[in-house]
């Protein structure tokens, strides 16, 4: 009985997150209400508060749904024991771009994240949370790049901090722009070449080299 209760609770949590995606996507994060999410999920508002503290908590749980499947690759590229950190990074970035087009859930969440979030007072510290996550992402990319440098896969004088900022901005920009005009090209088809272009930049751009001063 206890196991079934736990399974039912997880099923309810998934229902709520599925509904959250739909309502956020339709109305935008700031305009969506917990009452609307509860109605879309077929549960009470009390059921939402059982699983989530507030709208910010719902938003973060929603983001985890797209981050978790790629976390294994990300951690591999950051591990000092990984023999091919650059290869792991390449694989991670290609998969990330392809999923935006090919996986409906990933595409929907990215559209919410990039085009349907307003940092209003009601959303409290959501902006700060997103800023913190962006900084953390830069740091994780830099760590993976340092691993690639130590393995001789990237130049010894690569400015890993500057390169990490560039990698992050490149990927964010591609996704944001493609989601505005998805009919312009297939992101899934172009993912490999786009990532290869980024790798060429990391290996060859003089602007990404550390300066003596």
N, C-alpha and C. Protein backbone atom coordinates (compact mmCIF):
# COMPACT_ATOMS: atom_id res chain seq x y z
N UNK A 1 0.83 -1.21 0.00
CA UNK A 1 0.00 0.00 0.00
C UNK A 1 0.86 1.26 0.00
N UNK A 2 1.94 1.24 0.83
CA UNK A 2 2.82 2.40 0.90
C UNK A 2 3.50 2.65 -0.44
N UNK A 3 3.89 1.55 -1.12
CA UNK A 3 4.54 1.69 -2.42
C UNK A 3 3.58 2.29 -3.42
N UNK A 4 2.32 1.83 -3.39
CA UNK A 4 1.33 2.36 -4.31
C UNK A 4 1.08 3.84 -4.05
N UNK A 5 1.04 4.21 -2.78
CA UNK A 5 0.84 5.61 -2.43
C UNK A 5 1.98 6.46 -2.96
N UNK A 6 3.20 5.95 -2.86
CA UNK A 6 4.36 6.68 -3.38
C UNK A 6 4.28 6.81 -4.90
N UNK A 7 3.86 5.75 -5.58
CA UNK A 7 3.71 5.79 -7.02
C UNK A 7 2.64 6.80 -7.43
N UNK A 8 1.54 6.81 -6.69
CA UNK A 8 0.46 7.74 -6.98
C UNK A 8 0.92 9.19 -6.79
N UNK A 9 1.71 9.41 -5.75
CA UNK A 9 2.23 10.76 -5.50
C UNK A 9 3.14 11.21 -6.65
N UNK A 10 3.97 10.29 -7.15
CA UNK A 10 4.84 10.63 -8.28
C UNK A 10 4.03 10.88 -9.54
N UNK A 11 2.99 10.09 -9.75
CA UNK A 11 2.12 10.31 -10.90
C UNK A 11 1.46 11.68 -10.85
N UNK A 12 1.03 12.08 -9.65
CA UNK A 12 0.42 13.40 -9.48
C UNK A 12 1.44 14.50 -9.76
N UNK A 13 2.66 14.30 -9.28
CA UNK A 13 3.72 15.29 -9.53
C UNK A 13 3.98 15.46 -11.03
N UNK A 14 4.02 14.35 -11.75
CA UNK A 14 4.24 14.40 -13.20
C UNK A 14 3.07 15.11 -13.88
N UNK A 15 1.84 14.81 -13.45
CA UNK A 15 0.66 15.47 -14.01
C UNK A 15 0.76 16.98 -13.83
N UNK A 16 1.18 17.39 -12.65
CA UNK A 16 1.28 18.82 -12.36
C UNK A 16 2.34 19.48 -13.24
N UNK A 17 3.48 18.82 -13.41
CA UNK A 17 4.54 19.39 -14.24
C UNK A 17 4.14 19.42 -15.71
N UNK A 18 3.45 18.39 -16.18
CA UNK A 18 2.95 18.39 -17.56
C UNK A 18 2.00 19.58 -17.77
N UNK A 19 1.10 19.78 -16.81
CA UNK A 19 0.15 20.89 -16.90
C UNK A 19 0.87 22.23 -16.82
N UNK A 20 1.90 22.30 -15.97
CA UNK A 20 2.68 23.53 -15.85
C UNK A 20 3.29 23.92 -17.18
N UNK A 21 3.87 22.96 -17.87
CA UNK A 21 4.44 23.23 -19.19
C UNK A 21 3.39 23.79 -20.14
N UNK A 22 2.23 23.15 -20.18
CA UNK A 22 1.18 23.58 -21.11
C UNK A 22 0.69 24.99 -20.79
N UNK A 23 0.45 25.26 -19.52
CA UNK A 23 -0.08 26.57 -19.13
C UNK A 23 0.97 27.66 -19.28
N UNK A 24 2.20 27.39 -18.87
CA UNK A 24 3.28 28.37 -19.06
C UNK A 24 3.47 28.67 -20.54
N UNK A 25 3.39 27.64 -21.37
CA UNK A 25 3.61 27.82 -22.80
C UNK A 25 2.49 28.63 -23.43
N UNK A 26 1.28 28.41 -22.96
CA UNK A 26 0.13 29.11 -23.53
C UNK A 26 0.02 30.54 -23.03
N UNK A 27 0.24 30.76 -21.75
CA UNK A 27 -0.03 32.07 -21.15
C UNK A 27 1.22 32.86 -20.80
N UNK A 28 2.37 32.21 -20.73
CA UNK A 28 3.56 32.86 -20.21
C UNK A 28 3.64 32.62 -18.71
N UNK A 29 4.83 32.68 -18.16
CA UNK A 29 5.03 32.32 -16.75
C UNK A 29 4.34 33.31 -15.82
N UNK A 30 4.50 34.61 -16.06
CA UNK A 30 3.95 35.60 -15.13
C UNK A 30 2.43 35.62 -15.14
N UNK A 31 1.82 35.32 -16.27
CA UNK A 31 0.35 35.38 -16.38
C UNK A 31 -0.33 34.10 -15.90
N UNK A 32 0.41 33.02 -15.85
CA UNK A 32 -0.18 31.74 -15.44
C UNK A 32 -0.43 31.74 -13.93
N UNK A 33 -1.56 31.20 -13.53
CA UNK A 33 -1.88 31.11 -12.10
C UNK A 33 -1.83 29.66 -11.66
N UNK A 34 -1.63 29.47 -10.37
CA UNK A 34 -1.62 28.11 -9.83
C UNK A 34 -3.00 27.47 -9.98
N UNK A 35 -4.04 28.28 -9.93
CA UNK A 35 -5.39 27.74 -10.11
C UNK A 35 -5.56 27.17 -11.51
N UNK A 36 -5.01 27.87 -12.50
CA UNK A 36 -5.09 27.38 -13.89
C UNK A 36 -4.27 26.11 -14.06
N UNK A 37 -3.13 26.06 -13.43
CA UNK A 37 -2.29 24.86 -13.51
C UNK A 37 -2.99 23.68 -12.84
N UNK A 38 -3.61 23.94 -11.68
CA UNK A 38 -4.33 22.88 -10.97
C UNK A 38 -5.48 22.35 -11.82
N UNK A 39 -6.22 23.26 -12.46
CA UNK A 39 -7.34 22.85 -13.30
C UNK A 39 -6.86 22.03 -14.49
N UNK A 40 -5.75 22.46 -15.10
CA UNK A 40 -5.21 21.74 -16.25
C UNK A 40 -4.69 20.36 -15.86
N UNK A 41 -4.21 20.24 -14.62
CA UNK A 41 -3.69 18.96 -14.14
C UNK A 41 -4.79 18.06 -13.58
N UNK A 42 -5.97 18.66 -13.33
CA UNK A 42 -7.06 17.88 -12.74
C UNK A 42 -6.84 17.59 -11.27
N UNK A 43 -6.17 18.53 -10.57
CA UNK A 43 -5.91 18.37 -9.14
C UNK A 43 -6.30 19.66 -8.42
N UNK A 44 -6.26 19.63 -7.10
CA UNK A 44 -6.53 20.83 -6.32
C UNK A 44 -5.26 21.66 -6.16
N UNK A 45 -5.44 22.92 -5.76
CA UNK A 45 -4.26 23.74 -5.48
C UNK A 45 -3.48 23.16 -4.32
N UNK A 46 -4.20 22.51 -3.39
CA UNK A 46 -3.52 21.88 -2.27
C UNK A 46 -2.55 20.80 -2.72
N UNK A 47 -2.92 20.08 -3.80
CA UNK A 47 -2.04 19.04 -4.33
C UNK A 47 -0.76 19.66 -4.88
N UNK A 48 -0.88 20.84 -5.49
CA UNK A 48 0.31 21.52 -5.99
C UNK A 48 1.22 21.90 -4.83
N UNK A 49 0.65 22.47 -3.77
CA UNK A 49 1.46 22.89 -2.63
C UNK A 49 2.06 21.70 -1.87
N UNK A 50 1.47 20.53 -2.05
CA UNK A 50 2.05 19.33 -1.43
C UNK A 50 3.40 18.99 -2.06
N UNK A 51 3.50 19.27 -3.37
CA UNK A 51 4.71 18.91 -4.12
C UNK A 51 5.65 20.10 -4.35
N UNK A 52 5.10 21.31 -4.42
CA UNK A 52 5.90 22.48 -4.79
C UNK A 52 5.57 23.66 -3.88
N UNK A 53 6.58 24.45 -3.57
CA UNK A 53 6.37 25.58 -2.66
C UNK A 53 5.60 26.72 -3.33
N UNK A 54 5.94 27.01 -4.59
CA UNK A 54 5.35 28.16 -5.29
C UNK A 54 5.62 28.04 -6.79
N UNK A 55 5.31 29.08 -7.51
CA UNK A 55 5.49 29.06 -8.97
C UNK A 55 6.97 28.94 -9.35
N UNK A 56 7.83 29.59 -8.59
CA UNK A 56 9.28 29.47 -8.85
C UNK A 56 9.74 28.02 -8.75
N UNK A 57 9.24 27.34 -7.73
CA UNK A 57 9.60 25.93 -7.53
C UNK A 57 9.12 25.08 -8.70
N UNK A 58 7.93 25.36 -9.18
CA UNK A 58 7.40 24.68 -10.37
C UNK A 58 8.30 24.93 -11.59
N UNK A 59 8.71 26.18 -11.74
CA UNK A 59 9.56 26.56 -12.88
C UNK A 59 10.88 25.81 -12.85
N UNK A 60 11.52 25.75 -11.68
CA UNK A 60 12.80 25.07 -11.56
C UNK A 60 12.65 23.57 -11.82
N UNK A 61 11.57 22.97 -11.30
CA UNK A 61 11.34 21.55 -11.54
C UNK A 61 11.11 21.27 -13.01
N UNK A 62 10.45 22.19 -13.68
CA UNK A 62 10.24 22.06 -15.12
C UNK A 62 11.57 22.07 -15.87
N UNK A 63 12.47 22.98 -15.49
CA UNK A 63 13.77 23.06 -16.15
C UNK A 63 14.60 21.79 -15.95
N UNK A 64 14.47 21.19 -14.78
CA UNK A 64 15.22 19.96 -14.51
C UNK A 64 14.87 18.86 -15.49
N UNK A 65 13.69 18.91 -16.04
CA UNK A 65 13.25 17.86 -16.97
C UNK A 65 14.08 17.86 -18.26
N UNK A 66 14.61 19.02 -18.64
CA UNK A 66 15.44 19.05 -19.84
C UNK A 66 16.92 18.95 -19.49
N UNK A 67 17.30 19.32 -18.28
CA UNK A 67 18.71 19.27 -17.90
C UNK A 67 19.15 17.87 -17.49
N UNK A 68 18.30 17.16 -16.79
CA UNK A 68 18.67 15.86 -16.23
C UNK A 68 19.15 14.86 -17.29
N UNK A 69 18.48 14.72 -18.44
CA UNK A 69 18.94 13.72 -19.43
C UNK A 69 20.34 13.98 -19.96
N UNK A 70 20.82 15.22 -19.89
CA UNK A 70 22.14 15.56 -20.42
C UNK A 70 23.20 15.66 -19.33
N UNK A 71 22.79 15.49 -18.08
CA UNK A 71 23.71 15.70 -16.96
C UNK A 71 24.88 14.72 -16.97
N UNK A 72 24.63 13.49 -17.38
CA UNK A 72 25.70 12.49 -17.39
C UNK A 72 26.84 12.91 -18.32
N UNK A 73 26.49 13.40 -19.50
CA UNK A 73 27.51 13.87 -20.43
C UNK A 73 28.23 15.09 -19.89
N UNK A 74 27.48 16.00 -19.29
CA UNK A 74 28.08 17.22 -18.74
C UNK A 74 29.09 16.86 -17.65
N UNK A 75 28.73 15.96 -16.76
CA UNK A 75 29.63 15.57 -15.68
C UNK A 75 30.86 14.84 -16.23
N UNK A 76 30.67 14.09 -17.28
CA UNK A 76 31.80 13.38 -17.87
C UNK A 76 32.83 14.38 -18.40
N UNK A 77 32.38 15.41 -19.08
CA UNK A 77 33.31 16.39 -19.63
C UNK A 77 34.02 17.17 -18.53
N UNK A 78 33.39 17.27 -17.35
CA UNK A 78 33.97 18.00 -16.23
C UNK A 78 34.90 17.15 -15.37
N UNK A 79 34.89 15.84 -15.59
CA UNK A 79 35.69 14.94 -14.77
C UNK A 79 37.15 14.95 -15.23
N UNK A 80 38.05 15.09 -14.27
CA UNK A 80 39.48 15.07 -14.60
C UNK A 80 39.92 13.68 -15.06
N UNK A 81 39.12 12.68 -14.79
CA UNK A 81 39.46 11.31 -15.19
C UNK A 81 38.97 10.97 -16.60
N UNK A 82 38.18 11.88 -17.20
CA UNK A 82 37.64 11.62 -18.53
C UNK A 82 38.76 11.75 -19.57
N UNK A 83 39.03 10.70 -20.36
CA UNK A 83 40.11 10.77 -21.35
C UNK A 83 39.80 11.64 -22.56
N UNK A 84 38.53 11.89 -22.82
CA UNK A 84 38.14 12.67 -24.00
C UNK A 84 37.12 13.75 -23.63
N UNK A 85 37.51 14.72 -22.81
CA UNK A 85 36.56 15.75 -22.39
C UNK A 85 36.02 16.58 -23.55
N UNK A 86 36.86 16.88 -24.54
CA UNK A 86 36.38 17.68 -25.67
C UNK A 86 35.37 16.89 -26.50
N UNK A 87 35.61 15.61 -26.64
CA UNK A 87 34.66 14.77 -27.35
C UNK A 87 33.33 14.68 -26.64
N UNK A 88 33.38 14.62 -25.30
CA UNK A 88 32.14 14.61 -24.52
C UNK A 88 31.40 15.93 -24.67
N UNK A 89 32.15 17.03 -24.65
CA UNK A 89 31.53 18.34 -24.85
C UNK A 89 30.85 18.44 -26.20
N UNK A 90 31.54 17.97 -27.21
CA UNK A 90 31.01 18.00 -28.57
C UNK A 90 29.71 17.19 -28.63
N UNK A 91 29.73 16.01 -28.07
CA UNK A 91 28.55 15.15 -28.05
C UNK A 91 27.40 15.81 -27.30
N UNK A 92 27.71 16.44 -26.18
CA UNK A 92 26.70 17.10 -25.37
C UNK A 92 26.05 18.25 -26.14
N UNK A 93 26.84 19.07 -26.78
CA UNK A 93 26.31 20.25 -27.47
C UNK A 93 25.47 19.87 -28.68
N UNK A 94 25.93 18.86 -29.43
CA UNK A 94 25.14 18.39 -30.58
C UNK A 94 23.79 17.85 -30.11
N UNK A 95 23.82 17.05 -29.06
CA UNK A 95 22.57 16.48 -28.54
C UNK A 95 21.65 17.58 -28.03
N UNK A 96 22.22 18.58 -27.36
CA UNK A 96 21.43 19.69 -26.86
C UNK A 96 20.68 20.40 -27.99
N UNK A 97 21.39 20.73 -29.06
CA UNK A 97 20.76 21.45 -30.17
C UNK A 97 19.73 20.59 -30.88
N UNK A 98 20.03 19.34 -31.09
CA UNK A 98 19.08 18.47 -31.78
C UNK A 98 17.80 18.29 -30.99
N UNK A 99 17.92 18.18 -29.67
CA UNK A 99 16.73 17.96 -28.84
C UNK A 99 15.75 19.13 -28.92
N UNK A 100 16.28 20.34 -29.10
CA UNK A 100 15.41 21.51 -29.17
C UNK A 100 14.40 21.37 -30.31
N UNK A 101 14.84 20.77 -31.40
CA UNK A 101 13.92 20.58 -32.53
C UNK A 101 13.16 19.27 -32.46
N UNK A 102 13.82 18.20 -32.09
CA UNK A 102 13.24 16.86 -32.24
C UNK A 102 12.40 16.40 -31.05
N UNK A 103 12.67 16.92 -29.87
CA UNK A 103 11.94 16.49 -28.68
C UNK A 103 10.89 17.54 -28.32
N UNK A 104 9.59 17.24 -28.44
CA UNK A 104 8.53 18.23 -28.20
C UNK A 104 8.61 18.87 -26.82
N UNK A 105 8.90 18.07 -25.81
CA UNK A 105 8.97 18.63 -24.46
C UNK A 105 10.14 19.59 -24.32
N UNK A 106 11.29 19.20 -24.83
CA UNK A 106 12.46 20.07 -24.77
C UNK A 106 12.19 21.38 -25.51
N UNK A 107 11.59 21.28 -26.68
CA UNK A 107 11.29 22.48 -27.46
C UNK A 107 10.32 23.39 -26.72
N UNK A 108 9.28 22.82 -26.12
CA UNK A 108 8.29 23.61 -25.40
C UNK A 108 8.93 24.34 -24.21
N UNK A 109 9.76 23.63 -23.46
CA UNK A 109 10.38 24.24 -22.28
C UNK A 109 11.37 25.32 -22.69
N UNK A 110 12.12 25.09 -23.76
CA UNK A 110 13.05 26.12 -24.24
C UNK A 110 12.30 27.35 -24.73
N UNK A 111 11.15 27.16 -25.36
CA UNK A 111 10.35 28.30 -25.79
C UNK A 111 9.87 29.10 -24.59
N UNK A 112 9.46 28.41 -23.54
CA UNK A 112 9.05 29.09 -22.31
C UNK A 112 10.22 29.87 -21.72
N UNK A 113 11.35 29.20 -21.61
CA UNK A 113 12.53 29.78 -20.98
C UNK A 113 13.02 31.02 -21.72
N UNK A 114 13.00 30.98 -23.04
CA UNK A 114 13.61 32.05 -23.82
C UNK A 114 12.65 33.14 -24.29
N UNK A 115 11.37 32.81 -24.35
CA UNK A 115 10.44 33.78 -24.92
C UNK A 115 9.18 34.03 -24.10
N UNK A 116 9.01 33.33 -22.98
CA UNK A 116 7.75 33.47 -22.24
C UNK A 116 7.95 33.65 -20.74
N UNK A 117 9.08 34.26 -20.38
CA UNK A 117 9.35 34.55 -18.97
C UNK A 117 9.51 36.05 -18.79
N UNK A 118 8.73 36.62 -17.88
CA UNK A 118 8.88 38.02 -17.49
C UNK A 118 9.24 38.03 -16.01
N UNK A 119 10.30 38.72 -15.67
CA UNK A 119 10.78 38.72 -14.29
C UNK A 119 10.01 39.78 -13.49
N UNK A 120 8.76 39.45 -13.17
CA UNK A 120 7.91 40.36 -12.42
C UNK A 120 8.12 40.19 -10.92
N UNK A 121 7.56 41.13 -10.16
CA UNK A 121 7.69 41.08 -8.70
C UNK A 121 7.08 39.80 -8.13
N UNK A 122 6.01 39.34 -8.77
CA UNK A 122 5.33 38.13 -8.30
C UNK A 122 6.25 36.91 -8.32
N UNK A 123 7.17 36.90 -9.29
CA UNK A 123 8.07 35.76 -9.42
C UNK A 123 9.27 35.85 -8.48
N UNK A 124 9.28 36.90 -7.68
CA UNK A 124 10.28 36.99 -6.61
C UNK A 124 11.71 36.89 -7.10
N UNK A 125 12.43 35.90 -6.57
CA UNK A 125 13.86 35.80 -6.84
C UNK A 125 14.18 34.92 -8.04
N UNK A 126 13.22 34.73 -8.96
CA UNK A 126 13.47 33.89 -10.12
C UNK A 126 14.62 34.43 -10.96
N UNK A 127 14.66 35.75 -11.16
CA UNK A 127 15.75 36.32 -11.95
C UNK A 127 17.10 36.01 -11.32
N UNK A 128 17.19 36.16 -9.99
CA UNK A 128 18.45 35.88 -9.31
C UNK A 128 18.82 34.41 -9.46
N UNK A 129 17.83 33.54 -9.39
CA UNK A 129 18.09 32.11 -9.57
C UNK A 129 18.63 31.83 -10.97
N UNK A 130 18.04 32.49 -11.97
CA UNK A 130 18.49 32.29 -13.34
C UNK A 130 19.90 32.85 -13.54
N UNK A 131 20.17 33.98 -12.91
CA UNK A 131 21.52 34.56 -12.99
C UNK A 131 22.54 33.60 -12.36
N UNK A 132 22.19 33.05 -11.21
CA UNK A 132 23.10 32.12 -10.53
C UNK A 132 23.35 30.88 -11.39
N UNK A 133 22.31 30.39 -12.04
CA UNK A 133 22.46 29.22 -12.89
C UNK A 133 23.32 29.53 -14.12
N UNK A 134 23.20 30.75 -14.63
CA UNK A 134 24.01 31.14 -15.78
C UNK A 134 25.49 31.19 -15.41
N UNK A 135 25.78 31.76 -14.25
CA UNK A 135 27.17 31.82 -13.78
C UNK A 135 27.71 30.41 -13.55
N UNK A 136 26.89 29.56 -12.95
CA UNK A 136 27.30 28.17 -12.71
C UNK A 136 27.58 27.45 -14.02
N UNK A 137 26.76 27.72 -15.03
CA UNK A 137 26.96 27.10 -16.34
C UNK A 137 28.30 27.52 -16.93
N UNK A 138 28.62 28.82 -16.86
CA UNK A 138 29.92 29.31 -17.35
C UNK A 138 31.06 28.60 -16.64
N UNK A 139 30.93 28.44 -15.33
CA UNK A 139 32.00 27.80 -14.56
C UNK A 139 32.17 26.33 -14.93
N UNK A 140 31.06 25.66 -15.17
CA UNK A 140 31.13 24.24 -15.55
C UNK A 140 31.74 24.07 -16.94
N UNK A 141 31.39 24.97 -17.85
CA UNK A 141 31.98 24.92 -19.19
C UNK A 141 33.48 25.16 -19.10
N UNK A 142 33.88 26.15 -18.31
CA UNK A 142 35.30 26.47 -18.14
C UNK A 142 36.06 25.27 -17.58
N UNK A 143 35.45 24.57 -16.64
CA UNK A 143 36.10 23.39 -16.07
C UNK A 143 36.31 22.31 -17.13
N UNK A 144 35.30 22.08 -17.96
CA UNK A 144 35.43 21.10 -19.04
C UNK A 144 36.51 21.52 -20.03
N UNK A 145 36.58 22.82 -20.32
CA UNK A 145 37.60 23.32 -21.25
C UNK A 145 39.00 23.14 -20.66
N UNK A 146 39.15 23.39 -19.37
CA UNK A 146 40.47 23.18 -18.73
C UNK A 146 40.87 21.71 -18.81
N UNK A 147 39.91 20.82 -18.68
CA UNK A 147 40.21 19.39 -18.83
C UNK A 147 40.71 19.10 -20.23
N UNK A 148 40.06 19.71 -21.23
CA UNK A 148 40.47 19.50 -22.62
C UNK A 148 41.86 20.07 -22.87
N UNK A 149 42.18 21.19 -22.24
CA UNK A 149 43.53 21.76 -22.36
C UNK A 149 44.54 20.81 -21.74
N UNK A 150 44.23 20.27 -20.57
CA UNK A 150 45.17 19.38 -19.88
C UNK A 150 45.40 18.09 -20.66
N UNK A 151 44.43 17.71 -21.49
CA UNK A 151 44.56 16.50 -22.31
C UNK A 151 45.18 16.80 -23.68
N UNK A 152 45.55 18.06 -23.89
CA UNK A 152 46.18 18.43 -25.16
C UNK A 152 45.19 18.55 -26.30
N UNK A 153 43.90 18.67 -25.99
CA UNK A 153 42.89 18.77 -27.04
C UNK A 153 42.62 20.21 -27.46
N UNK A 154 43.03 21.15 -26.63
CA UNK A 154 42.89 22.57 -26.93
C UNK A 154 44.21 23.26 -26.60
N UNK A 155 44.46 24.46 -27.17
CA UNK A 155 45.74 25.15 -26.96
C UNK A 155 46.03 25.41 -25.48
N UNK A 156 47.30 25.32 -25.13
CA UNK A 156 47.71 25.54 -23.74
C UNK A 156 47.37 26.93 -23.24
N UNK A 157 47.35 27.92 -24.15
CA UNK A 157 47.11 29.30 -23.73
C UNK A 157 45.66 29.74 -23.91
N UNK A 158 44.75 28.79 -24.01
CA UNK A 158 43.33 29.14 -24.13
C UNK A 158 42.86 29.84 -22.86
N UNK A 159 42.20 30.98 -23.03
CA UNK A 159 41.59 31.67 -21.89
C UNK A 159 40.25 30.98 -21.63
N UNK A 160 40.25 30.05 -20.69
CA UNK A 160 39.07 29.20 -20.49
C UNK A 160 37.85 29.97 -20.01
N UNK A 161 38.06 31.00 -19.24
CA UNK A 161 36.92 31.79 -18.78
C UNK A 161 36.26 32.50 -19.95
N UNK A 162 37.07 33.18 -20.78
CA UNK A 162 36.53 33.88 -21.94
C UNK A 162 35.92 32.90 -22.94
N UNK A 163 36.56 31.76 -23.11
CA UNK A 163 36.05 30.76 -24.03
C UNK A 163 34.71 30.19 -23.54
N UNK A 164 34.59 30.00 -22.22
CA UNK A 164 33.35 29.48 -21.66
C UNK A 164 32.19 30.45 -21.89
N UNK A 165 32.45 31.74 -21.68
CA UNK A 165 31.43 32.75 -21.94
C UNK A 165 30.99 32.71 -23.40
N UNK A 166 31.97 32.55 -24.30
CA UNK A 166 31.67 32.51 -25.73
C UNK A 166 30.85 31.27 -26.10
N UNK A 167 31.23 30.12 -25.54
CA UNK A 167 30.49 28.88 -25.81
C UNK A 167 29.05 29.00 -25.35
N UNK A 168 28.87 29.50 -24.14
CA UNK A 168 27.54 29.64 -23.56
C UNK A 168 26.68 30.57 -24.42
N UNK A 169 27.23 31.72 -24.77
CA UNK A 169 26.48 32.70 -25.56
C UNK A 169 26.15 32.16 -26.95
N UNK A 170 27.09 31.44 -27.53
CA UNK A 170 26.89 30.85 -28.87
C UNK A 170 25.70 29.88 -28.86
N UNK A 171 25.68 28.99 -27.91
CA UNK A 171 24.61 28.00 -27.84
C UNK A 171 23.27 28.64 -27.51
N UNK A 172 23.28 29.58 -26.55
CA UNK A 172 22.04 30.27 -26.18
C UNK A 172 21.49 31.04 -27.37
N UNK A 173 22.38 31.74 -28.09
CA UNK A 173 21.94 32.54 -29.23
C UNK A 173 21.34 31.70 -30.34
N UNK A 174 21.98 30.58 -30.64
CA UNK A 174 21.46 29.70 -31.69
C UNK A 174 20.05 29.21 -31.33
N UNK A 175 19.89 28.76 -30.11
CA UNK A 175 18.59 28.23 -29.70
C UNK A 175 17.51 29.32 -29.70
N UNK A 176 17.85 30.48 -29.15
CA UNK A 176 16.89 31.58 -29.08
C UNK A 176 16.45 32.02 -30.46
N UNK A 177 17.40 32.20 -31.36
CA UNK A 177 17.07 32.65 -32.71
C UNK A 177 16.30 31.60 -33.50
N UNK A 178 16.70 30.35 -33.37
CA UNK A 178 15.99 29.30 -34.12
C UNK A 178 14.55 29.17 -33.65
N UNK A 179 14.31 29.29 -32.37
CA UNK A 179 12.95 29.17 -31.85
C UNK A 179 12.04 30.28 -32.36
N UNK A 180 12.61 31.42 -32.73
CA UNK A 180 11.82 32.50 -33.31
C UNK A 180 11.40 32.18 -34.74
N UNK A 181 12.29 31.56 -35.50
CA UNK A 181 12.00 31.26 -36.92
C UNK A 181 12.41 29.82 -37.23
N UNK A 182 11.74 28.84 -36.65
CA UNK A 182 12.14 27.44 -36.83
C UNK A 182 12.02 26.94 -38.27
N UNK A 183 11.22 27.61 -39.07
CA UNK A 183 11.06 27.17 -40.45
C UNK A 183 12.27 27.56 -41.33
N UNK A 184 13.17 28.38 -40.78
CA UNK A 184 14.29 28.87 -41.59
C UNK A 184 15.30 27.78 -41.93
N UNK A 185 15.48 26.81 -41.03
CA UNK A 185 16.38 25.68 -41.29
C UNK A 185 16.14 24.62 -40.24
N UNK A 186 16.69 23.43 -40.47
CA UNK A 186 16.57 22.35 -39.49
C UNK A 186 17.74 22.42 -38.52
N UNK A 187 17.45 22.74 -37.28
CA UNK A 187 18.50 22.81 -36.27
C UNK A 187 19.12 21.43 -36.03
N UNK A 188 18.30 20.40 -36.11
CA UNK A 188 18.81 19.04 -35.92
C UNK A 188 19.81 18.67 -37.00
N UNK A 189 19.52 19.05 -38.23
CA UNK A 189 20.42 18.74 -39.35
C UNK A 189 21.71 19.55 -39.27
N UNK A 190 21.61 20.77 -38.80
CA UNK A 190 22.77 21.67 -38.77
C UNK A 190 23.58 21.57 -37.48
N UNK A 191 23.07 20.83 -36.50
CA UNK A 191 23.71 20.81 -35.17
C UNK A 191 25.19 20.43 -35.24
N UNK A 192 25.51 19.38 -35.97
CA UNK A 192 26.90 18.92 -36.04
C UNK A 192 27.82 20.00 -36.61
N UNK A 193 27.42 20.62 -37.71
CA UNK A 193 28.24 21.66 -38.32
C UNK A 193 28.36 22.89 -37.43
N UNK A 194 27.27 23.25 -36.77
CA UNK A 194 27.31 24.41 -35.87
C UNK A 194 28.28 24.18 -34.72
N UNK A 195 28.26 22.99 -34.17
CA UNK A 195 29.18 22.67 -33.08
C UNK A 195 30.62 22.57 -33.59
N UNK A 196 30.79 22.03 -34.79
CA UNK A 196 32.13 21.98 -35.38
C UNK A 196 32.70 23.38 -35.56
N UNK A 197 31.85 24.33 -35.96
CA UNK A 197 32.29 25.72 -36.10
C UNK A 197 32.76 26.28 -34.77
N UNK A 198 32.04 25.94 -33.72
CA UNK A 198 32.42 26.39 -32.39
C UNK A 198 33.75 25.78 -31.97
N UNK A 199 33.94 24.51 -32.27
CA UNK A 199 35.20 23.85 -31.94
C UNK A 199 36.37 24.49 -32.69
N UNK A 200 36.15 24.85 -33.95
CA UNK A 200 37.19 25.54 -34.73
C UNK A 200 37.57 26.86 -34.06
N UNK A 201 36.57 27.56 -33.54
CA UNK A 201 36.83 28.83 -32.86
C UNK A 201 37.68 28.61 -31.61
N UNK A 202 37.34 27.58 -30.84
CA UNK A 202 38.10 27.30 -29.61
C UNK A 202 39.55 26.95 -29.93
N UNK A 203 39.76 26.25 -31.01
CA UNK A 203 41.10 25.78 -31.34
C UNK A 203 41.95 26.84 -32.03
N UNK A 204 41.29 27.79 -32.72
CA UNK A 204 42.07 28.67 -33.61
C UNK A 204 41.95 30.16 -33.37
N UNK A 205 40.94 30.61 -32.63
CA UNK A 205 40.71 32.06 -32.49
C UNK A 205 41.78 32.73 -31.64
N UNK A 206 42.52 33.71 -32.20
CA UNK A 206 43.52 34.43 -31.39
C UNK A 206 42.88 35.19 -30.23
N UNK A 207 41.62 35.62 -30.40
CA UNK A 207 40.95 36.41 -29.37
C UNK A 207 40.66 35.59 -28.11
N UNK A 208 40.74 34.29 -28.21
CA UNK A 208 40.48 33.42 -27.06
C UNK A 208 41.76 32.97 -26.37
N UNK A 209 42.90 33.55 -26.77
CA UNK A 209 44.16 33.19 -26.14
C UNK A 209 44.44 34.09 -24.94
N UNK A 210 45.01 33.52 -23.91
CA UNK A 210 45.37 34.32 -22.73
C UNK A 210 46.51 35.26 -23.10
N UNK A 211 46.42 36.48 -22.60
CA UNK A 211 47.44 37.49 -22.90
C UNK A 211 48.45 37.57 -21.75
N UNK A 212 49.64 37.93 -22.10
CA UNK A 212 50.71 38.00 -21.11
C UNK A 212 50.40 38.99 -19.99
N UNK A 213 49.65 40.08 -20.32
CA UNK A 213 49.37 41.07 -19.28
C UNK A 213 48.11 40.69 -18.51
